[in-house]
Amino acid sequence: MRTIIADDHPVVLMGLRAALETTDIKVVGEAANGDQLLELLATRPCDAVVTDFSMPDGSNGDGLLLLDAIRRKYPRLPIIVLTMVSNVAVLQTMRFRGANCLCDKRSPLREVVTALRNAAAGRGFISETIRREIEKTSVVDTFGDARLSSREIEVVRLYVGGMSITQIADRLSRSVKTVSRQKRDAMRKLGIDHDSRLSEYAREQGMSS
């Protein structure tokens, strides 16, 4: 099973390669950001991709934007996402946007092997820690009465990750006005009136990795 792996931490890439290559899974490429991952996918045939959710260094985006790009170009390619995000709304959105399998980065790497086996057989996989969070928390409960859209979730995630409104607009190919409105709408739904509180809330809710 030919697999491309992506993570912006070299130690994680080393660990992934070591864990996968003790099996019959062959790592055919490594990427440190979304740009490199998309370049590899365009030039190296593979049967699955294992990617970190948050890789902020690339110019073409990470997170949901990267999932969208992969799924649009490779609709049948199994995608296994590695993440430390614990917010159920974000996790569910990953699944809706094309992630076949979700693996908690804090879990043993053997879960990635299990996820790849399941993906190869046409099945999904969710780490037990993530599954427990999903089972005990509905998407509605995650944000109280607020139903943030996936676009609002991504804007909040990038903003609390340190990007400016202009940088987010460039990253998501939206206008500054649109991104500013989506951030403002998210804050209104959450009952938050200050940026510092938005960052605090996002950390508390596990929206950032």
N, C-alpha and C. Protein backbone atom coordinates (compact mmCIF):
# COMPACT_ATOMS: atom_id res chain seq x y z
N MET A 1 0.85 -1.19 0.00
CA MET A 1 0.00 0.00 0.00
C MET A 1 0.89 1.24 0.00
N ARG A 2 0.85 1.99 -1.09
CA ARG A 2 1.69 3.18 -1.24
C ARG A 2 1.03 4.36 -0.53
N THR A 3 1.79 5.02 0.33
CA THR A 3 1.23 6.08 1.16
C THR A 3 2.13 7.30 1.18
N ILE A 4 1.52 8.47 1.09
CA ILE A 4 2.23 9.74 1.27
C ILE A 4 1.87 10.27 2.65
N ILE A 5 2.87 10.72 3.39
CA ILE A 5 2.63 11.24 4.74
C ILE A 5 3.00 12.72 4.79
N ALA A 6 2.27 13.48 5.60
CA ALA A 6 2.52 14.92 5.69
C ALA A 6 2.36 15.40 7.12
N ASP A 7 3.35 16.14 7.59
CA ASP A 7 3.30 16.75 8.91
C ASP A 7 4.39 17.81 8.96
N ASP A 8 4.14 18.91 9.67
CA ASP A 8 5.14 19.97 9.72
C ASP A 8 6.17 19.76 10.81
N HIS A 9 6.11 18.63 11.51
CA HIS A 9 7.11 18.31 12.53
C HIS A 9 7.94 17.11 12.06
N PRO A 10 9.25 17.30 11.82
CA PRO A 10 10.10 16.22 11.32
C PRO A 10 10.08 14.97 12.20
N VAL A 11 9.98 15.15 13.52
CA VAL A 11 9.97 13.99 14.42
C VAL A 11 8.73 13.14 14.18
N VAL A 12 7.59 13.79 13.92
CA VAL A 12 6.37 13.05 13.64
C VAL A 12 6.51 12.27 12.33
N LEU A 13 7.10 12.91 11.32
CA LEU A 13 7.31 12.22 10.04
C LEU A 13 8.21 11.00 10.22
N MET A 14 9.26 11.15 11.00
CA MET A 14 10.16 10.02 11.26
C MET A 14 9.42 8.88 11.96
N GLY A 15 8.61 9.25 12.95
CA GLY A 15 7.86 8.23 13.68
C GLY A 15 6.84 7.53 12.80
N LEU A 16 6.17 8.30 11.96
CA LEU A 16 5.19 7.72 11.05
C LEU A 16 5.85 6.74 10.08
N ARG A 17 6.94 7.19 9.48
CA ARG A 17 7.63 6.30 8.53
C ARG A 17 8.07 5.02 9.21
N ALA A 18 8.64 5.13 10.39
CA ALA A 18 9.11 3.96 11.12
C ALA A 18 7.96 3.01 11.44
N ALA A 19 6.81 3.57 11.86
CA ALA A 19 5.66 2.74 12.22
C ALA A 19 5.07 2.05 10.99
N LEU A 20 4.99 2.77 9.88
CA LEU A 20 4.36 2.20 8.69
C LEU A 20 5.26 1.18 8.00
N GLU A 21 6.56 1.43 7.99
CA GLU A 21 7.43 0.57 7.21
C GLU A 21 7.82 -0.70 7.95
N THR A 22 7.30 -0.90 9.15
CA THR A 22 7.43 -2.22 9.80
C THR A 22 6.33 -3.14 9.28
N THR A 23 5.44 -2.62 8.45
CA THR A 23 4.36 -3.39 7.84
C THR A 23 4.61 -3.46 6.34
N ASP A 24 3.60 -3.86 5.59
CA ASP A 24 3.75 -3.89 4.13
C ASP A 24 3.35 -2.56 3.51
N ILE A 25 3.17 -1.51 4.32
CA ILE A 25 2.83 -0.18 3.83
C ILE A 25 4.12 0.53 3.42
N LYS A 26 4.14 1.06 2.22
CA LYS A 26 5.33 1.73 1.71
C LYS A 26 5.10 3.24 1.65
N VAL A 27 5.98 3.99 2.32
CA VAL A 27 5.92 5.44 2.26
C VAL A 27 6.62 5.92 0.99
N VAL A 28 5.86 6.52 0.09
CA VAL A 28 6.42 6.93 -1.20
C VAL A 28 6.69 8.43 -1.27
N GLY A 29 6.38 9.14 -0.19
CA GLY A 29 6.65 10.57 -0.18
C GLY A 29 6.36 11.18 1.17
N GLU A 30 7.11 12.26 1.50
CA GLU A 30 6.91 12.99 2.75
C GLU A 30 6.77 14.47 2.43
N ALA A 31 5.83 15.12 3.11
CA ALA A 31 5.61 16.55 2.91
C ALA A 31 5.57 17.25 4.26
N ALA A 32 6.02 18.52 4.26
CA ALA A 32 6.04 19.30 5.50
C ALA A 32 4.95 20.36 5.54
N ASN A 33 4.20 20.50 4.45
CA ASN A 33 3.09 21.45 4.42
C ASN A 33 2.14 21.08 3.29
N GLY A 34 1.05 21.82 3.19
CA GLY A 34 0.04 21.50 2.19
C GLY A 34 0.54 21.64 0.77
N ASP A 35 1.40 22.63 0.51
CA ASP A 35 1.93 22.82 -0.83
C ASP A 35 2.72 21.58 -1.29
N GLN A 36 3.61 21.13 -0.42
CA GLN A 36 4.43 19.96 -0.76
C GLN A 36 3.56 18.72 -0.94
N LEU A 37 2.53 18.60 -0.12
CA LEU A 37 1.65 17.45 -0.22
C LEU A 37 0.94 17.43 -1.57
N LEU A 38 0.40 18.56 -2.00
CA LEU A 38 -0.30 18.61 -3.28
C LEU A 38 0.66 18.36 -4.44
N GLU A 39 1.90 18.85 -4.32
CA GLU A 39 2.91 18.59 -5.37
C GLU A 39 3.22 17.11 -5.46
N LEU A 40 3.36 16.44 -4.31
CA LEU A 40 3.64 15.00 -4.31
C LEU A 40 2.48 14.22 -4.91
N LEU A 41 1.27 14.60 -4.53
CA LEU A 41 0.09 13.89 -5.04
C LEU A 41 0.00 14.00 -6.56
N ALA A 42 0.48 15.11 -7.09
CA ALA A 42 0.41 15.33 -8.53
C ALA A 42 1.47 14.54 -9.30
N THR A 43 2.52 14.09 -8.59
CA THR A 43 3.64 13.45 -9.29
C THR A 43 3.92 12.01 -8.87
N ARG A 44 3.39 11.60 -7.71
CA ARG A 44 3.68 10.24 -7.23
C ARG A 44 2.39 9.48 -6.96
N PRO A 45 2.15 8.44 -7.70
CA PRO A 45 0.95 7.64 -7.46
C PRO A 45 0.96 7.06 -6.04
N CYS A 46 -0.19 7.08 -5.40
CA CYS A 46 -0.28 6.50 -4.06
C CYS A 46 -1.69 5.95 -3.84
N ASP A 47 -1.82 5.15 -2.81
CA ASP A 47 -3.10 4.51 -2.49
C ASP A 47 -3.81 5.18 -1.32
N ALA A 48 -3.09 6.05 -0.58
CA ALA A 48 -3.69 6.75 0.56
C ALA A 48 -2.76 7.88 0.97
N VAL A 49 -3.31 8.84 1.71
CA VAL A 49 -2.51 9.93 2.25
C VAL A 49 -2.81 10.05 3.74
N VAL A 50 -1.74 10.24 4.51
CA VAL A 50 -1.86 10.49 5.95
C VAL A 50 -1.36 11.91 6.17
N THR A 51 -2.22 12.80 6.65
CA THR A 51 -1.82 14.19 6.77
C THR A 51 -2.22 14.82 8.10
N ASP A 52 -1.35 15.66 8.61
CA ASP A 52 -1.67 16.49 9.76
C ASP A 52 -2.76 17.47 9.33
N PHE A 53 -3.60 17.88 10.28
CA PHE A 53 -4.66 18.84 9.96
C PHE A 53 -4.12 20.26 9.92
N SER A 54 -3.25 20.60 10.87
CA SER A 54 -2.72 21.96 10.98
C SER A 54 -1.26 22.00 10.53
N MET A 55 -1.03 22.59 9.33
CA MET A 55 0.32 22.77 8.80
C MET A 55 0.36 24.17 8.21
N PRO A 56 0.60 25.19 9.02
CA PRO A 56 0.39 26.58 8.60
C PRO A 56 1.43 27.18 7.66
N ASP A 57 2.51 26.48 7.37
CA ASP A 57 3.59 27.11 6.61
C ASP A 57 3.35 27.21 5.10
N GLY A 58 2.47 26.41 4.55
CA GLY A 58 2.26 26.43 3.11
C GLY A 58 1.47 27.64 2.65
N SER A 59 1.60 28.00 1.37
CA SER A 59 0.88 29.17 0.84
C SER A 59 -0.53 28.83 0.38
N ASN A 60 -0.82 27.55 0.17
CA ASN A 60 -2.12 27.16 -0.35
C ASN A 60 -3.08 26.62 0.71
N GLY A 61 -2.66 26.72 1.98
CA GLY A 61 -3.60 26.39 3.04
C GLY A 61 -3.43 25.00 3.62
N ASP A 62 -4.06 24.83 4.79
CA ASP A 62 -4.09 23.54 5.46
C ASP A 62 -5.53 23.32 5.93
N GLY A 63 -5.71 22.46 6.90
CA GLY A 63 -7.04 22.29 7.46
C GLY A 63 -8.10 21.91 6.45
N LEU A 64 -9.25 22.53 6.56
CA LEU A 64 -10.38 22.20 5.69
C LEU A 64 -10.09 22.57 4.23
N LEU A 65 -9.35 23.64 4.04
CA LEU A 65 -9.02 24.06 2.68
C LEU A 65 -8.20 22.98 1.97
N LEU A 66 -7.25 22.41 2.69
CA LEU A 66 -6.42 21.34 2.12
C LEU A 66 -7.25 20.09 1.85
N LEU A 67 -8.13 19.74 2.78
CA LEU A 67 -9.01 18.59 2.56
C LEU A 67 -9.85 18.79 1.31
N ASP A 68 -10.38 20.00 1.14
CA ASP A 68 -11.19 20.30 -0.04
C ASP A 68 -10.37 20.12 -1.32
N ALA A 69 -9.12 20.61 -1.30
CA ALA A 69 -8.28 20.54 -2.49
C ALA A 69 -7.96 19.09 -2.86
N ILE A 70 -7.65 18.28 -1.85
CA ILE A 70 -7.34 16.87 -2.12
C ILE A 70 -8.58 16.15 -2.63
N ARG A 71 -9.69 16.36 -1.96
CA ARG A 71 -10.91 15.64 -2.34
C ARG A 71 -11.39 16.04 -3.73
N ARG A 72 -11.21 17.32 -4.07
CA ARG A 72 -11.64 17.80 -5.39
C ARG A 72 -10.81 17.16 -6.51
N LYS A 73 -9.50 17.04 -6.30
CA LYS A 73 -8.62 16.50 -7.33
C LYS A 73 -8.55 14.98 -7.32
N TYR A 74 -8.73 14.39 -6.14
CA TYR A 74 -8.60 12.93 -5.99
C TYR A 74 -9.80 12.41 -5.20
N PRO A 75 -10.96 12.37 -5.82
CA PRO A 75 -12.20 12.06 -5.09
C PRO A 75 -12.24 10.69 -4.42
N ARG A 76 -11.46 9.73 -4.91
CA ARG A 76 -11.50 8.39 -4.34
C ARG A 76 -10.30 8.07 -3.44
N LEU A 77 -9.40 9.00 -3.29
CA LEU A 77 -8.19 8.75 -2.50
C LEU A 77 -8.53 8.76 -1.00
N PRO A 78 -8.23 7.68 -0.28
CA PRO A 78 -8.46 7.68 1.17
C PRO A 78 -7.58 8.71 1.87
N ILE A 79 -8.18 9.49 2.77
CA ILE A 79 -7.46 10.51 3.52
C ILE A 79 -7.54 10.19 5.01
N ILE A 80 -6.39 10.02 5.62
CA ILE A 80 -6.32 9.80 7.06
C ILE A 80 -5.78 11.08 7.68
N VAL A 81 -6.53 11.70 8.56
CA VAL A 81 -6.13 12.96 9.17
C VAL A 81 -5.58 12.71 10.57
N LEU A 82 -4.40 13.28 10.83
CA LEU A 82 -3.82 13.29 12.17
C LEU A 82 -4.13 14.63 12.81
N THR A 83 -4.63 14.65 14.03
CA THR A 83 -4.99 15.93 14.63
C THR A 83 -4.96 15.87 16.15
N MET A 84 -4.73 17.05 16.72
CA MET A 84 -4.88 17.20 18.17
C MET A 84 -6.12 18.02 18.49
N VAL A 85 -6.87 18.39 17.47
CA VAL A 85 -8.12 19.12 17.67
C VAL A 85 -9.10 18.20 18.41
N SER A 86 -9.79 18.74 19.40
CA SER A 86 -10.75 17.94 20.16
C SER A 86 -12.17 18.48 20.05
N ASN A 87 -12.34 19.62 19.36
CA ASN A 87 -13.67 20.19 19.22
C ASN A 87 -14.49 19.34 18.26
N VAL A 88 -15.65 18.90 18.72
CA VAL A 88 -16.45 17.95 17.94
C VAL A 88 -16.96 18.56 16.64
N ALA A 89 -17.33 19.84 16.67
CA ALA A 89 -17.81 20.48 15.44
C ALA A 89 -16.73 20.48 14.36
N VAL A 90 -15.50 20.76 14.76
CA VAL A 90 -14.39 20.76 13.80
C VAL A 90 -14.13 19.34 13.30
N LEU A 91 -14.13 18.37 14.21
CA LEU A 91 -13.89 16.97 13.84
C LEU A 91 -14.97 16.47 12.88
N GLN A 92 -16.21 16.79 13.18
CA GLN A 92 -17.30 16.36 12.29
C GLN A 92 -17.17 17.02 10.92
N THR A 93 -16.75 18.27 10.91
CA THR A 93 -16.58 18.97 9.64
C THR A 93 -15.48 18.33 8.81
N MET A 94 -14.41 17.87 9.47
CA MET A 94 -13.35 17.15 8.75
C MET A 94 -13.95 15.94 8.03
N ARG A 95 -14.80 15.22 8.71
CA ARG A 95 -15.41 14.02 8.12
C ARG A 95 -16.31 14.39 6.95
N PHE A 96 -17.10 15.45 7.13
CA PHE A 96 -18.00 15.86 6.06
C PHE A 96 -17.24 16.35 4.83
N ARG A 97 -16.03 16.87 5.06
CA ARG A 97 -15.26 17.44 3.96
C ARG A 97 -14.27 16.45 3.36
N GLY A 98 -14.36 15.16 3.73
CA GLY A 98 -13.59 14.18 2.99
C GLY A 98 -12.61 13.32 3.74
N ALA A 99 -12.46 13.51 5.06
CA ALA A 99 -11.52 12.67 5.81
C ALA A 99 -12.17 11.32 6.10
N ASN A 100 -11.61 10.26 5.54
CA ASN A 100 -12.14 8.92 5.78
C ASN A 100 -11.87 8.45 7.20
N CYS A 101 -10.70 8.85 7.73
CA CYS A 101 -10.28 8.38 9.05
C CYS A 101 -9.70 9.54 9.85
N LEU A 102 -9.98 9.54 11.15
CA LEU A 102 -9.45 10.56 12.06
C LEU A 102 -8.61 9.88 13.13
N CYS A 103 -7.35 10.27 13.23
CA CYS A 103 -6.45 9.70 14.23
C CYS A 103 -5.96 10.78 15.18
N ASP A 104 -6.09 10.51 16.46
CA ASP A 104 -5.60 11.42 17.50
C ASP A 104 -4.07 11.34 17.53
N LYS A 105 -3.40 12.47 17.39
CA LYS A 105 -1.93 12.47 17.37
C LYS A 105 -1.33 12.03 18.70
N ARG A 106 -2.15 12.07 19.75
CA ARG A 106 -1.65 11.65 21.06
C ARG A 106 -1.78 10.15 21.29
N SER A 107 -2.44 9.45 20.36
CA SER A 107 -2.62 8.01 20.48
C SER A 107 -1.43 7.29 19.87
N PRO A 108 -1.23 6.00 20.17
CA PRO A 108 -0.13 5.25 19.57
C PRO A 108 -0.21 5.25 18.05
N LEU A 109 0.95 5.30 17.39
CA LEU A 109 0.98 5.37 15.94
C LEU A 109 0.43 4.12 15.26
N ARG A 110 0.31 3.03 16.02
CA ARG A 110 -0.26 1.83 15.41
C ARG A 110 -1.70 2.07 14.95
N GLU A 111 -2.36 3.11 15.52
CA GLU A 111 -3.71 3.43 15.08
C GLU A 111 -3.71 3.89 13.62
N VAL A 112 -2.63 4.52 13.20
CA VAL A 112 -2.55 4.96 11.80
C VAL A 112 -2.51 3.75 10.87
N VAL A 113 -1.78 2.73 11.29
CA VAL A 113 -1.76 1.49 10.50
C VAL A 113 -3.16 0.89 10.41
N THR A 114 -3.86 0.85 11.55
CA THR A 114 -5.23 0.34 11.55
C THR A 114 -6.13 1.18 10.64
N ALA A 115 -5.96 2.50 10.69
CA ALA A 115 -6.75 3.40 9.84
C ALA A 115 -6.50 3.13 8.37
N LEU A 116 -5.23 2.93 8.01
CA LEU A 116 -4.90 2.65 6.61
C LEU A 116 -5.48 1.32 6.16
N ARG A 117 -5.44 0.32 7.02
CA ARG A 117 -6.04 -0.98 6.69
C ARG A 117 -7.54 -0.82 6.43
N ASN A 118 -8.19 -0.07 7.31
CA ASN A 118 -9.63 0.15 7.15
C ASN A 118 -9.93 0.93 5.87
N ALA A 119 -9.14 1.95 5.61
CA ALA A 119 -9.35 2.75 4.41
C ALA A 119 -9.18 1.92 3.15
N ALA A 120 -8.19 1.04 3.16
CA ALA A 120 -7.95 0.18 1.99
C ALA A 120 -9.13 -0.75 1.74
N ALA A 121 -9.83 -1.10 2.82
CA ALA A 121 -10.99 -1.99 2.71
C ALA A 121 -12.30 -1.22 2.50
N GLY A 122 -12.18 0.10 2.33
CA GLY A 122 -13.37 0.91 2.11
C GLY A 122 -14.13 1.27 3.36
N ARG A 123 -13.46 1.14 4.51
CA ARG A 123 -14.11 1.47 5.78
C ARG A 123 -13.47 2.71 6.40
N GLY A 124 -14.19 3.35 7.29
CA GLY A 124 -13.66 4.48 8.01
C GLY A 124 -13.00 4.04 9.30
N PHE A 125 -12.37 4.99 9.98
CA PHE A 125 -11.75 4.69 11.28
C PHE A 125 -11.69 5.99 12.07
N ILE A 126 -11.97 5.90 13.37
CA ILE A 126 -11.86 7.04 14.27
C ILE A 126 -11.17 6.57 15.54
N SER A 127 -10.15 7.29 15.97
CA SER A 127 -9.47 6.95 17.22
C SER A 127 -10.47 6.87 18.36
N GLU A 128 -10.21 6.00 19.30
CA GLU A 128 -11.13 5.82 20.41
C GLU A 128 -11.34 7.11 21.19
N THR A 129 -10.28 7.88 21.39
CA THR A 129 -10.41 9.14 22.13
C THR A 129 -11.33 10.12 21.40
N ILE A 130 -11.20 10.17 20.08
CA ILE A 130 -12.06 11.05 19.28
C ILE A 130 -13.49 10.53 19.27
N ARG A 131 -13.63 9.22 19.15
CA ARG A 131 -14.96 8.62 19.13
C ARG A 131 -15.73 8.93 20.42
N ARG A 132 -15.02 8.88 21.55
CA ARG A 132 -15.67 9.17 22.82
C ARG A 132 -16.17 10.61 22.87
N GLU A 133 -15.37 11.52 22.35
CA GLU A 133 -15.78 12.92 22.33
C GLU A 133 -17.02 13.11 21.46
N ILE A 134 -17.03 12.46 20.30
CA ILE A 134 -18.17 12.60 19.38
C ILE A 134 -19.42 12.00 20.00
N GLU A 135 -19.26 10.87 20.66
CA GLU A 135 -20.43 10.21 21.25
C GLU A 135 -21.05 10.99 22.40
N LYS A 136 -20.22 11.68 23.15
CA LYS A 136 -20.76 12.38 24.33
C LYS A 136 -21.15 13.83 24.05
N THR A 137 -20.77 14.33 22.88
CA THR A 137 -21.04 15.73 22.57
C THR A 137 -21.61 15.86 21.17
N SER A 138 -22.76 16.46 21.06
CA SER A 138 -23.33 16.71 19.74
C SER A 138 -22.72 17.98 19.18
N VAL A 139 -22.80 18.15 17.88
CA VAL A 139 -22.25 19.35 17.26
C VAL A 139 -22.94 20.59 17.79
N VAL A 140 -24.23 20.51 18.04
CA VAL A 140 -24.96 21.66 18.56
C VAL A 140 -24.44 22.03 19.94
N ASP A 141 -24.23 21.01 20.80
CA ASP A 141 -23.77 21.27 22.15
C ASP A 141 -22.39 21.90 22.19
N THR A 142 -21.57 21.60 21.17
CA THR A 142 -20.20 22.07 21.17
C THR A 142 -20.11 23.58 21.26
N PHE A 143 -21.02 24.27 20.63
CA PHE A 143 -21.01 25.72 20.66
C PHE A 143 -22.25 26.26 21.37
N GLY A 144 -22.78 25.54 22.32
CA GLY A 144 -24.00 25.98 22.98
C GLY A 144 -25.13 26.01 21.97
N ASP A 145 -25.81 27.14 21.86
CA ASP A 145 -26.91 27.27 20.91
C ASP A 145 -26.42 27.75 19.55
N ALA A 146 -25.13 28.01 19.42
CA ALA A 146 -24.61 28.57 18.18
C ALA A 146 -24.27 27.47 17.18
N ARG A 147 -24.72 27.66 15.96
CA ARG A 147 -24.38 26.75 14.88
C ARG A 147 -23.42 27.46 13.93
N LEU A 148 -22.14 27.30 14.18
CA LEU A 148 -21.15 27.91 13.29
C LEU A 148 -21.08 27.12 12.00
N SER A 149 -21.00 27.83 10.88
CA SER A 149 -20.81 27.16 9.61
C SER A 149 -19.36 26.68 9.50
N SER A 150 -19.11 25.78 8.57
CA SER A 150 -17.74 25.28 8.40
C SER A 150 -16.81 26.42 7.99
N ARG A 151 -17.31 27.40 7.23
CA ARG A 151 -16.49 28.53 6.83
C ARG A 151 -16.13 29.41 8.03
N GLU A 152 -17.12 29.58 8.93
CA GLU A 152 -16.86 30.36 10.14
C GLU A 152 -15.87 29.63 11.04
N ILE A 153 -16.00 28.32 11.16
CA ILE A 153 -15.07 27.53 11.96
C ILE A 153 -13.65 27.69 11.44
N GLU A 154 -13.48 27.63 10.13
CA GLU A 154 -12.14 27.74 9.56
C GLU A 154 -11.55 29.12 9.76
N VAL A 155 -12.36 30.16 9.63
CA VAL A 155 -11.89 31.52 9.87
C VAL A 155 -11.43 31.68 11.32
N VAL A 156 -12.23 31.18 12.26
CA VAL A 156 -11.87 31.27 13.67
C VAL A 156 -10.58 30.51 13.94
N ARG A 157 -10.48 29.29 13.38
CA ARG A 157 -9.29 28.46 13.60
C ARG A 157 -8.03 29.18 13.13
N LEU A 158 -8.08 29.76 11.94
CA LEU A 158 -6.91 30.44 11.40
C LEU A 158 -6.60 31.72 12.17
N TYR A 159 -7.65 32.43 12.58
CA TYR A 159 -7.45 33.68 13.31
C TYR A 159 -6.79 33.44 14.66
N VAL A 160 -7.30 32.48 15.41
CA VAL A 160 -6.70 32.21 16.72
C VAL A 160 -5.33 31.56 16.57
N GLY A 161 -5.03 31.05 15.37
CA GLY A 161 -3.71 30.49 15.11
C GLY A 161 -2.67 31.55 14.79
N GLY A 162 -3.11 32.83 14.74
CA GLY A 162 -2.16 33.92 14.57
C GLY A 162 -2.21 34.65 13.25
N MET A 163 -3.14 34.28 12.36
CA MET A 163 -3.22 34.93 11.06
C MET A 163 -4.11 36.17 11.14
N SER A 164 -3.76 37.18 10.34
CA SER A 164 -4.59 38.38 10.27
C SER A 164 -5.77 38.14 9.33
N ILE A 165 -6.73 39.06 9.36
CA ILE A 165 -7.89 38.94 8.47
C ILE A 165 -7.44 38.94 7.01
N THR A 166 -6.48 39.80 6.69
CA THR A 166 -5.97 39.87 5.31
C THR A 166 -5.29 38.56 4.91
N GLN A 167 -4.49 38.00 5.80
CA GLN A 167 -3.82 36.73 5.51
C GLN A 167 -4.84 35.59 5.33
N ILE A 168 -5.86 35.60 6.17
CA ILE A 168 -6.91 34.57 6.04
C ILE A 168 -7.63 34.71 4.72
N ALA A 169 -7.93 35.94 4.33
CA ALA A 169 -8.59 36.18 3.05
C ALA A 169 -7.76 35.65 1.89
N ASP A 170 -6.44 35.91 1.95
CA ASP A 170 -5.55 35.39 0.91
C ASP A 170 -5.52 33.87 0.93
N ARG A 171 -5.44 33.29 2.12
CA ARG A 171 -5.35 31.83 2.26
C ARG A 171 -6.60 31.14 1.74
N LEU A 172 -7.78 31.71 2.04
CA LEU A 172 -9.04 31.07 1.68
C LEU A 172 -9.63 31.57 0.37
N SER A 173 -8.91 32.48 -0.30
CA SER A 173 -9.38 33.07 -1.57
C SER A 173 -10.75 33.71 -1.41
N ARG A 174 -10.90 34.45 -0.32
CA ARG A 174 -12.11 35.23 -0.08
C ARG A 174 -11.72 36.69 0.07
N SER A 175 -12.69 37.58 0.00
CA SER A 175 -12.41 38.99 0.21
C SER A 175 -12.20 39.27 1.69
N VAL A 176 -11.46 40.33 1.98
CA VAL A 176 -11.26 40.75 3.37
C VAL A 176 -12.60 41.05 4.02
N LYS A 177 -13.49 41.66 3.26
CA LYS A 177 -14.83 41.98 3.78
C LYS A 177 -15.58 40.73 4.18
N THR A 178 -15.50 39.68 3.35
CA THR A 178 -16.21 38.43 3.65
C THR A 178 -15.65 37.76 4.89
N VAL A 179 -14.32 37.68 4.98
CA VAL A 179 -13.69 37.04 6.14
C VAL A 179 -14.00 37.82 7.41
N SER A 180 -13.94 39.14 7.32
CA SER A 180 -14.26 39.97 8.49
C SER A 180 -15.69 39.74 8.95
N ARG A 181 -16.60 39.62 7.98
CA ARG A 181 -18.01 39.36 8.33
C ARG A 181 -18.17 37.99 8.96
N GLN A 182 -17.48 36.97 8.41
CA GLN A 182 -17.60 35.61 8.95
C GLN A 182 -17.04 35.54 10.38
N LYS A 183 -15.95 36.24 10.63
CA LYS A 183 -15.40 36.30 12.00
C LYS A 183 -16.38 37.01 12.92
N ARG A 184 -16.93 38.11 12.46
CA ARG A 184 -17.89 38.87 13.27
C ARG A 184 -19.15 38.06 13.56
N ASP A 185 -19.63 37.33 12.53
CA ASP A 185 -20.82 36.49 12.71
C ASP A 185 -20.55 35.37 13.72
N ALA A 186 -19.36 34.78 13.64
CA ALA A 186 -19.01 33.70 14.58
C ALA A 186 -18.98 34.24 16.01
N MET A 187 -18.38 35.40 16.18
CA MET A 187 -18.31 35.99 17.52
C MET A 187 -19.70 36.33 18.05
N ARG A 188 -20.56 36.83 17.16
CA ARG A 188 -21.92 37.16 17.58
C ARG A 188 -22.67 35.91 18.02
N LYS A 189 -22.54 34.82 17.25
CA LYS A 189 -23.21 33.56 17.60
C LYS A 189 -22.71 33.02 18.93
N LEU A 190 -21.42 33.24 19.20
CA LEU A 190 -20.82 32.72 20.42
C LEU A 190 -21.00 33.66 21.61
N GLY A 191 -21.53 34.86 21.34
CA GLY A 191 -21.71 35.82 22.42
C GLY A 191 -20.40 36.40 22.91
N ILE A 192 -19.42 36.53 21.99
CA ILE A 192 -18.09 37.02 22.34
C ILE A 192 -17.89 38.40 21.71
N ASP A 193 -17.40 39.36 22.51
CA ASP A 193 -17.28 40.73 22.01
C ASP A 193 -15.84 41.23 21.97
N HIS A 194 -14.87 40.34 22.21
CA HIS A 194 -13.47 40.78 22.18
C HIS A 194 -12.60 39.68 21.61
N ASP A 195 -11.60 40.07 20.80
CA ASP A 195 -10.73 39.09 20.14
C ASP A 195 -10.00 38.20 21.13
N SER A 196 -9.55 38.76 22.25
CA SER A 196 -8.81 37.96 23.22
C SER A 196 -9.70 36.86 23.80
N ARG A 197 -10.96 37.16 23.97
CA ARG A 197 -11.89 36.15 24.47
C ARG A 197 -12.15 35.08 23.42
N LEU A 198 -12.12 35.47 22.14
CA LEU A 198 -12.31 34.50 21.08
C LEU A 198 -11.17 33.48 21.09
N SER A 199 -9.94 33.96 21.25
CA SER A 199 -8.80 33.05 21.30
C SER A 199 -8.88 32.14 22.52
N GLU A 200 -9.27 32.71 23.64
CA GLU A 200 -9.41 31.92 24.86
C GLU A 200 -10.49 30.85 24.70
N TYR A 201 -11.62 31.24 24.10
CA TYR A 201 -12.72 30.31 23.91
C TYR A 201 -12.30 29.16 22.96
N ALA A 202 -11.60 29.52 21.89
CA ALA A 202 -11.19 28.51 20.92
C ALA A 202 -10.27 27.48 21.57
N ARG A 203 -9.36 27.95 22.43
CA ARG A 203 -8.47 27.02 23.12
C ARG A 203 -9.26 26.14 24.07
N GLU A 204 -10.19 26.74 24.80
CA GLU A 204 -11.00 25.96 25.74
C GLU A 204 -11.82 24.89 25.04
N GLN A 205 -12.30 25.21 23.83
CA GLN A 205 -13.16 24.30 23.10
C GLN A 205 -12.40 23.31 22.21
N GLY A 206 -11.08 23.40 22.22
CA GLY A 206 -10.28 22.46 21.44
C GLY A 206 -10.37 22.70 19.95
N MET A 207 -10.58 23.98 19.55
CA MET A 207 -10.66 24.28 18.13
C MET A 207 -9.30 24.43 17.49
N SER A 208 -8.28 24.69 18.28
CA SER A 208 -6.93 24.85 17.74
C SER A 208 -6.09 23.66 18.16
N SER A 209 -5.08 23.37 17.34
CA SER A 209 -4.24 22.19 17.62
C SER A 209 -3.04 22.57 18.45
